[in-house]
Protein backbone atom coordinates (compact mmCIF):
# COMPACT_ATOMS: atom_id res chain seq x y z
CA ARG A 1 163.77 122.14 50.84
CA ARG A 2 161.69 119.53 52.67
CA LYS A 3 162.40 116.29 50.62
CA GLY A 4 160.42 113.15 50.82
CA GLY A 5 157.06 111.67 49.12
CA GLY A 6 154.77 108.98 49.80
CA VAL A 7 156.38 105.22 50.46
CA ALA A 8 155.02 101.95 51.28
CA GLY A 9 153.64 101.75 54.68
CA ALA A 10 153.14 105.34 55.13
CA PRO A 11 150.56 106.56 57.82
CA ALA A 12 146.93 106.84 56.65
CA MET A 13 145.72 110.29 55.66
CA THR A 14 144.49 112.88 58.38
CA TRP A 15 141.14 114.43 58.32
CA GLU A 16 143.00 117.66 57.29
CA GLN A 17 144.27 115.91 54.40
CA LEU A 18 140.85 114.24 53.57
CA ARG A 19 138.89 117.09 53.98
CA ILE A 20 141.25 119.23 51.66
CA ARG A 21 141.24 116.14 49.10
CA ALA A 22 137.64 115.98 49.05
CA ASN A 23 136.81 119.81 48.72
CA ARG A 24 139.13 120.11 45.82
CA TRP A 25 137.30 117.02 43.95
CA VAL A 26 133.80 118.93 44.87
CA ARG A 27 134.63 122.29 43.72
CA ARG A 28 136.35 120.87 40.35
CA LYS A 29 133.18 118.92 39.47
CA THR A 30 131.14 121.98 40.51
CA ALA A 31 133.44 124.60 38.90
CA TRP A 32 133.47 122.60 35.38
CA ALA A 33 129.61 122.06 35.52
CA GLY A 34 129.32 125.91 35.32
CA MET A 35 131.76 126.56 32.78
CA ARG A 36 130.75 127.14 29.17
CA ARG A 37 133.08 127.16 25.99
CA VAL A 38 132.75 130.60 24.02
CA ASP A 39 134.88 129.50 21.22
CA GLY A 40 134.01 126.66 18.97
CA ARG A 41 137.65 125.88 18.04
CA PRO A 42 139.37 122.17 18.57
CA ILE A 43 141.67 122.63 21.38
CA PRO A 44 145.14 120.52 19.74
CA GLY A 45 147.17 118.08 21.33
CA TRP A 46 149.76 119.60 23.89
CA LYS A 47 153.39 119.22 22.49
CA PRO A 48 156.13 117.94 24.40
CA ASP A 49 157.91 121.02 24.44
CA GLU A 50 155.19 123.82 24.73
CA VAL A 51 154.01 125.77 27.88
CA TRP A 52 150.30 126.60 27.97
CA MET A 53 149.09 129.25 30.25
CA ILE A 54 145.92 129.49 32.45
CA VAL A 55 144.40 132.76 33.15
CA VAL A 56 141.14 133.72 35.09
CA CYS A 57 139.90 137.05 34.72
CA ARG A 58 136.78 139.78 35.27
CA ASN A 59 136.57 143.00 33.43
CA GLU A 60 140.50 143.02 32.37
CA ALA A 61 140.34 144.36 29.11
CA LEU A 62 142.33 147.14 29.68
CA ARG A 63 145.53 145.01 30.87
CA LEU A 64 144.66 141.74 29.19
CA PRO A 65 146.13 142.96 25.65
CA PHE A 66 149.48 143.76 26.92
CA MET A 67 149.62 140.87 29.37
CA LEU A 68 148.95 138.07 26.38
CA ASN A 69 151.57 139.67 24.04
CA TYR A 70 154.09 139.81 26.86
CA HIS A 71 153.95 136.00 27.96
CA PHE A 72 153.47 135.02 24.02
CA ALA A 73 156.87 136.53 23.46
CA LEU A 74 158.13 134.23 25.91
CA GLY A 75 156.79 131.37 24.33
CA VAL A 76 153.41 130.45 25.93
CA SER A 77 151.88 128.70 22.76
CA ARG A 78 148.21 128.54 23.96
CA VAL A 79 145.94 130.06 26.47
CA LEU A 80 143.18 128.64 28.37
CA LEU A 81 141.08 131.43 29.81
CA VAL A 82 137.98 131.58 31.87
CA ASP A 83 136.12 135.01 31.92
CA ASN A 84 133.93 135.42 35.19
CA ASP A 85 131.16 137.31 33.34
CA SER A 86 133.02 140.33 32.11
CA THR A 87 130.95 143.43 30.96
CA ASP A 88 133.82 145.64 29.39
CA GLY A 89 134.71 143.39 26.38
CA THR A 90 137.34 140.89 27.84
CA ARG A 91 135.81 137.74 26.73
CA GLU A 92 135.35 139.29 23.04
CA LEU A 93 139.06 140.25 22.96
CA ALA A 94 140.25 136.95 24.15
CA ALA A 95 137.95 134.78 21.74
CA ALA A 96 139.19 136.95 18.97
CA ASP A 97 142.83 135.34 18.97
CA PRO A 98 143.10 131.93 17.88
CA ARG A 99 145.53 130.95 20.32
CA ILE A 100 143.01 131.25 23.24
CA HIS A 101 140.69 129.27 24.13
CA VAL A 102 137.79 130.77 26.26
CA TRP A 103 135.01 129.76 28.77
CA THR A 104 132.93 131.91 30.59
CA SER A 105 130.90 131.44 34.22
CA ASN A 106 128.48 133.55 35.71
CA GLU A 107 129.12 131.93 39.14
CA ARG A 108 130.39 134.19 42.18
CA TYR A 109 134.19 133.81 42.77
CA LYS A 110 134.32 130.88 45.24
CA GLY A 111 138.08 131.67 46.05
CA PRO A 112 141.24 130.96 44.63
CA LEU A 113 141.83 128.15 41.79
CA TYR A 114 138.30 127.46 41.51
CA TRP A 115 138.30 127.72 37.86
CA GLN A 116 142.02 126.71 37.18
CA GLU A 117 142.21 123.12 38.67
CA PRO A 118 139.60 121.65 36.62
CA LEU A 119 141.52 122.96 33.44
CA LEU A 120 144.74 121.93 34.91
CA ARG A 121 143.29 118.59 35.72
CA ARG A 122 141.67 118.29 31.92
CA PHE A 123 144.83 119.52 30.08
CA GLY A 124 148.01 119.83 32.04
CA VAL A 125 148.91 116.76 33.71
CA GLY A 126 152.30 116.00 33.19
CA ARG A 127 153.00 119.32 31.62
CA TRP A 128 154.62 122.55 32.61
CA CYS A 129 151.92 125.22 32.86
CA LEU A 130 152.02 128.82 33.71
CA VAL A 131 148.88 130.09 36.02
CA LEU A 132 148.64 133.98 36.29
CA ASP A 133 145.63 136.50 36.48
CA ALA A 134 145.40 139.12 33.93
CA ASP A 135 147.05 141.95 36.01
CA GLU A 136 150.29 139.68 36.42
CA LEU A 137 153.97 139.55 34.44
CA PHE A 138 156.16 136.40 35.03
CA VAL A 139 159.76 137.38 35.36
CA TYR A 140 162.59 134.77 35.68
CA PRO A 141 166.32 134.42 35.67
CA GLN A 142 168.00 134.70 32.28
CA MET A 143 165.00 135.05 30.57
CA ASP A 144 166.41 137.25 27.79
CA GLN A 145 168.49 134.04 27.10
CA LEU A 146 165.52 130.99 27.77
CA ASP A 147 162.04 131.08 26.60
CA LEU A 148 159.81 129.17 28.84
CA SER A 149 160.34 125.86 27.22
CA GLY A 150 163.89 126.47 27.91
CA LEU A 151 163.25 127.46 31.48
CA ALA A 152 161.30 124.30 32.06
CA ALA A 153 164.34 121.88 30.75
CA ARG A 154 166.55 123.91 32.85
CA LEU A 155 164.42 123.25 35.89
CA GLU A 156 164.05 119.53 35.02
CA GLN A 157 167.67 119.28 34.90
CA GLU A 158 167.99 120.29 38.39
CA GLY A 159 165.31 117.76 39.70
CA ALA A 160 162.83 120.64 40.09
CA ALA A 161 158.86 120.93 39.31
CA ALA A 162 157.98 124.18 40.38
CA LEU A 163 159.74 127.68 40.76
CA HIS A 164 159.08 130.14 44.07
CA CYS A 165 158.46 133.79 42.84
CA LEU A 166 158.36 136.91 44.82
CA PHE A 167 155.14 138.97 44.24
CA LEU A 168 156.00 142.64 43.59
CA GLU A 169 153.27 145.07 43.76
CA MET A 170 154.05 147.70 40.97
CA PHE A 171 152.75 151.34 41.01
CA ALA A 172 153.21 154.82 39.82
CA CYS A 173 154.90 157.99 41.16
CA GLU A 174 151.55 159.74 40.76
CA PRO A 175 148.14 158.98 42.55
CA ILE A 176 146.50 155.97 41.64
CA GLY A 177 143.63 158.05 39.82
CA GLN A 178 145.85 159.92 37.82
CA VAL A 179 147.64 157.20 35.80
CA ARG A 180 146.77 157.32 32.23
CA TYR A 181 147.31 153.58 31.14
CA GLN A 182 145.99 152.95 27.73
CA ALA A 183 145.41 149.17 26.51
CA GLY A 184 148.35 147.46 24.97
CA ASP A 185 151.12 149.87 26.05
CA ASP A 186 153.51 148.32 28.29
CA LEU A 187 152.73 147.99 31.56
CA ARG A 188 156.08 148.37 33.34
CA THR A 189 156.39 152.02 31.68
CA ALA A 190 153.08 152.96 33.31
CA ALA A 191 153.58 151.68 37.03
CA PRO A 192 157.24 150.96 37.06
CA TRP A 193 157.94 151.40 40.79
CA PHE A 194 158.07 148.50 43.56
CA ASP A 195 159.45 147.89 47.22
CA ALA A 196 162.54 146.49 47.18
CA GLU A 197 162.19 145.91 51.19
CA GLY A 198 159.79 144.87 53.74
CA TYR A 199 159.65 140.82 52.33
CA VAL A 200 159.91 138.83 56.00
CA ARG A 201 160.15 134.88 55.74
CA LYS A 202 157.57 133.18 57.71
CA GLN A 203 157.87 129.32 58.72
CA TYR A 204 155.42 127.11 56.49
CA HIS A 205 153.70 124.31 57.95
CA PRO A 206 152.94 121.81 55.05
CA VAL A 207 149.60 119.50 55.50
CA PHE A 208 151.17 116.71 53.09
CA GLY A 209 154.23 114.66 53.21
CA GLY A 210 156.54 115.16 50.36
CA PRO A 211 158.10 118.23 48.86
CA ALA A 212 156.98 121.44 50.15
CA PRO A 213 158.16 125.08 50.92
CA ASP A 214 160.30 125.97 54.17
CA PHE A 215 158.49 129.69 54.29
CA ILE A 216 156.58 132.03 52.76
CA TYR A 217 157.30 135.54 52.36
CA MET A 218 154.97 138.13 53.88
CA GLY A 219 154.88 141.88 54.12
CA GLY A 220 155.64 144.03 50.80
CA THR A 221 153.73 146.94 49.65
CA ARG A 222 150.16 146.05 50.89
CA GLY A 223 151.90 145.27 54.67
CA ARG A 224 153.50 148.57 54.35
CA MET A 225 150.14 150.20 53.58
CA PHE A 226 147.77 148.51 56.14
CA ASN A 227 150.40 147.09 58.64
CA GLU A 228 148.99 143.83 57.95
CA GLU A 229 150.26 140.30 57.04
CA PHE A 230 150.00 139.76 53.25
CA GLY A 231 151.50 136.79 51.50
CA CYS A 232 154.36 137.61 48.93
CA SER A 233 155.21 134.01 47.45
CA LYS A 234 153.50 132.58 44.52
CA TYR A 235 154.07 129.47 42.54
CA PRO A 236 152.86 130.16 38.69
CA PHE A 237 155.44 128.00 37.03
CA PHE A 238 155.23 124.31 37.64
CA LYS A 239 155.19 120.80 36.12
CA TYR A 240 151.34 119.63 36.80
CA SER A 241 150.56 116.31 38.54
CA PRO A 242 147.28 115.27 40.44
CA ASN A 243 149.38 114.81 43.48
CA LEU A 244 150.39 118.06 43.34
CA PHE A 245 148.58 120.66 45.62
CA LEU A 246 148.36 124.36 44.95
CA ARG A 247 147.25 125.97 48.29
CA ARG A 248 146.08 129.27 49.52
CA GLY A 249 145.71 130.66 45.83
CA LEU A 250 149.32 129.71 44.34
CA HIS A 251 151.06 131.30 47.55
CA THR A 252 152.15 127.98 48.53
CA ILE A 253 152.64 124.44 46.80
CA GLU A 254 152.97 120.92 47.83
CA GLY A 255 154.05 117.70 46.34
CA ALA A 256 156.59 119.77 43.89
CA PRO A 257 160.38 119.92 44.23
CA ILE A 258 161.22 123.32 44.26
CA SER A 259 163.83 125.21 42.65
CA ALA A 260 166.75 126.54 44.42
CA ALA A 261 166.36 129.71 41.93
CA GLN A 262 163.82 132.46 42.33
CA GLY A 263 161.37 134.12 39.83
CA ALA A 264 159.03 137.12 40.48
CA ILE A 265 155.66 138.02 39.43
CA LEU A 266 155.10 141.76 38.47
CA HIS A 267 151.59 142.75 39.79
CA PHE A 268 149.79 145.62 38.23
CA LYS A 269 146.64 146.30 40.12
CA TYR A 270 147.09 149.91 40.69
CA LEU A 271 145.97 151.58 37.64
CA GLN A 272 143.40 154.38 36.95
CA ASP A 273 140.44 151.88 37.30
CA PHE A 274 141.46 150.79 40.77
CA ARG A 275 139.21 153.01 42.39
CA GLU A 276 136.19 152.15 41.06
CA LYS A 277 137.05 148.10 41.25
CA ALA A 278 137.91 148.68 45.07
CA MET A 279 134.54 150.42 45.66
CA ARG A 280 132.69 147.50 43.64
CA GLU A 281 134.25 144.49 45.12
CA ALA A 282 134.44 146.18 48.68
CA VAL A 283 130.65 145.86 48.22
CA ARG A 284 130.41 142.39 46.41
CA GLY A 285 132.45 140.91 49.21
CA VAL A 286 133.21 137.76 47.37
CA TYR A 287 137.02 137.74 47.77
CA TRP A 288 138.96 136.34 50.90
CA ASN A 289 137.92 137.76 54.23
CA ALA A 290 134.46 138.98 52.55
CA SER A 291 136.97 141.26 50.68
CA ALA A 292 138.45 142.83 53.79
CA GLU A 293 141.62 144.31 51.68
CA TYR A 294 139.02 145.89 49.14
CA LYS A 295 137.34 147.72 51.81
CA ALA A 296 140.38 148.99 53.24
CA TYR A 297 141.33 150.45 50.14
CA ALA A 298 137.77 151.92 49.85
CA GLU A 299 137.83 153.39 53.03
CA ARG A 300 141.10 154.75 52.26
CA PHE A 301 139.77 156.37 48.96
CA ARG A 302 136.48 158.23 50.74
CA GLN A 303 139.18 159.36 53.53
CA GLU A 304 141.73 160.72 51.24
CA GLY A 305 139.97 161.18 47.56
CA ASP A 306 143.20 159.67 45.92
CA PHE A 307 146.74 158.58 47.10
CA SER A 308 149.70 157.57 45.74
CA LEU A 309 151.58 154.10 46.74
CA TRP A 310 155.17 155.99 45.91
CA HIS A 311 157.61 156.61 48.30
CA PRO A 312 161.29 157.58 48.54
CA GLY A 313 162.43 153.94 49.35
CA ALA A 314 160.83 152.80 46.36
CA LYS A 315 162.72 151.29 43.38
CA LYS A 316 162.02 151.81 39.52
CA TYR A 317 162.19 148.49 37.90
CA GLU A 318 164.62 147.62 35.10
CA ASP A 319 165.04 143.85 34.27
CA TRP A 320 165.46 140.50 36.09
CA ARG A 321 169.33 141.13 36.74
CA GLN A 322 168.28 144.35 39.09
CA LEU A 323 165.90 141.93 40.81
CA VAL A 324 169.13 139.38 41.50
CA ASP A 325 171.31 142.44 42.43
CA LEU A 326 168.53 143.39 45.29
CA GLY A 327 168.18 139.88 46.68
CA LEU A 328 164.53 139.57 45.39
CA MET A 329 165.20 136.64 42.64
CA LYS A 330 168.03 134.02 42.50
CA ASP A 331 169.68 133.22 39.59
CA LEU A 332 169.76 129.63 37.82
């Protein structure tokens, strides 16, 4: 791992560093101005041994109930959630839980971490935070023995402030349109398959001095499907500080010592509602590269009607130990 940090007499910031810092400041102020609280509950103080989760979502009433219950069971104490103008009841579902504090924003999506950064800066400084999307489940070593606060304590004993995770796309055996998932059911049962191979390490070139990753995983299921580069590293669990830089939508992190262990993120995008979302987001064009990925999915749906991501080499998910045995995670 890259070591180091700011020292007396360090060189002045480069133009790229100044630009990133300035953009982050402007985006944080702009995003906060466009966020409106939905629930009227006071937000209590963050206790030292607590882990809070930050979620940004749009029209995720299908996945959100299980995702929330899964992470509450792991020890999440409170959730700060930003709803991006949902129309399917997502906002109301979240606001009904007293452990969840909800903001809404009707702004167009303006890139990764646009809404997360203001919440981290206001509530998360010096705290262990879990930052996820509504279609993601966090998996980590020893999770059947350690809750999230226990994991944070183990990482701190190691001198780490962030956990690197491999991003695993989860899919069903049947074609996407034939998945019959119901809200609240276990997502791992509806889409239990994943690719155990096809992840390539690519050197990471840090922008700032101090701790930073040596590499980023690329490839995975989306690389297999479209023969293009996709980032498969993510840093969802970290101890936040203002000098920590979450870059490329949590795909890399700078300014936090990274644990030698490694977790995973199970990503449940490919349920029965995905075709409609792909078509809609291909037209909206607000995601990375004018929603190029969604346009590729939409075109495949137009050509094939429906399709499956399953293949004979896929593995069926069992637990965190299986991922360690496959070399996709590293134990503590």
